[in-house]
Amino acid sequence: KKGATGASTTVYAVEA
């Protein structure tokens, strides 16, 4: 999920 939301890419960075 790297950059799934785009704006919350920092939050999904761990889930990437």
PDB file of N, CA and C in Angstrom:
ATOM      1  N   LYS A   1       0.845  -1.205   0.000  1.00  0.00           N
ATOM      2  CA  LYS A   1       0.000   0.000   0.000  1.00  0.00           C
ATOM      3  C   LYS A   1       0.876   1.250   0.000  1.00  0.00           C
ATOM      4  N   LYS A   2       1.869   1.261  -0.808  1.00  0.00           N
ATOM      5  CA  LYS A   2       2.778   2.412  -0.824  1.00  0.00           C
ATOM      6  C   LYS A   2       2.119   3.588  -1.522  1.00  0.00           C
ATOM      7  N   GLY A   3       1.754   4.613  -0.743  1.00  0.00           N
ATOM      8  CA  GLY A   3       1.134   5.802  -1.303  1.00  0.00           C
ATOM      9  C   GLY A   3      -0.296   5.529  -1.744  1.00  0.00           C
ATOM     10  N   ALA A   4      -1.009   4.708  -0.973  1.00  0.00           N
ATOM     11  CA  ALA A   4      -2.390   4.363  -1.321  1.00  0.00           C
ATOM     12  C   ALA A   4      -3.294   5.585  -1.207  1.00  0.00           C
ATOM     13  N   THR A   5      -3.093   6.331  -0.120  1.00  0.00           N
ATOM     14  CA  THR A   5      -3.901   7.530   0.091  1.00  0.00           C
ATOM     15  C   THR A   5      -3.235   8.752  -0.512  1.00  0.00           C
ATOM     16  N   GLY A   6      -1.911   8.739  -0.549  1.00  0.00           N
ATOM     17  CA  GLY A   6      -1.177   9.852  -1.120  1.00  0.00           C
ATOM     18  C   GLY A   6      -0.865  10.897  -0.069  1.00  0.00           C
ATOM     19  N   ALA A   7      -1.911  11.467   0.513  1.00  0.00           N
ATOM     20  CA  ALA A   7      -1.719  12.506   1.530  1.00  0.00           C
ATOM     21  C   ALA A   7      -1.234  11.865   2.832  1.00  0.00           C
ATOM     22  N   SER A   8      -1.794  10.710   3.154  1.00  0.00           N
ATOM     23  CA  SER A   8      -1.408  10.025   4.385  1.00  0.00           C
ATOM     24  C   SER A   8      -0.355   8.963   4.073  1.00  0.00           C
ATOM     25  N   THR A   9       0.540   9.285   3.150  1.00  0.00           N
ATOM     26  CA  THR A   9       1.572   8.317   2.759  1.00  0.00           C
ATOM     27  C   THR A   9       2.519   8.030   3.908  1.00  0.00           C
ATOM     28  N   THR A  10       2.598   8.964   4.858  1.00  0.00           N
ATOM     29  CA  THR A  10       3.473   8.775   6.019  1.00  0.00           C
ATOM     30  C   THR A  10       2.870   7.736   6.967  1.00  0.00           C
ATOM     31  N   VAL A  11       1.554   7.722   7.034  1.00  0.00           N
ATOM     32  CA  VAL A  11       0.864   6.786   7.915  1.00  0.00           C
ATOM     33  C   VAL A  11       0.932   5.386   7.329  1.00  0.00           C
ATOM     34  N   TYR A  12       0.795   5.297   6.005  1.00  0.00           N
ATOM     35  CA  TYR A  12       0.815   4.015   5.332  1.00  0.00           C
ATOM     36  C   TYR A  12       2.240   3.571   5.000  1.00  0.00           C
ATOM     37  N   ALA A  13       3.208   4.376   5.437  1.00  0.00           N
ATOM     38  CA  ALA A  13       4.604   4.050   5.153  1.00  0.00           C
ATOM     39  C   ALA A  13       5.001   2.756   5.855  1.00  0.00           C
ATOM     40  N   VAL A  14       4.423   2.531   7.037  1.00  0.00           N
ATOM     41  CA  VAL A  14       4.712   1.323   7.803  1.00  0.00           C
ATOM     42  C   VAL A  14       4.015   0.135   7.159  1.00  0.00           C
ATOM     43  N   GLU A  15       2.860   0.390   6.551  1.00  0.00           N
ATOM     44  CA  GLU A  15       2.070  -0.668   5.945  1.00  0.00           C
ATOM     45  C   GLU A  15       2.500  -0.902   4.501  1.00  0.00           C
ATOM     46  N   ALA A  16       3.381  -0.073   3.995  1.00  0.00           N
ATOM     47  CA  ALA A  16       3.829  -0.166   2.613  1.00  0.00           C
ATOM     48  C   ALA A  16       4.580  -1.469   2.379  1.00  0.00           C
TER      49      ALA A  16
END
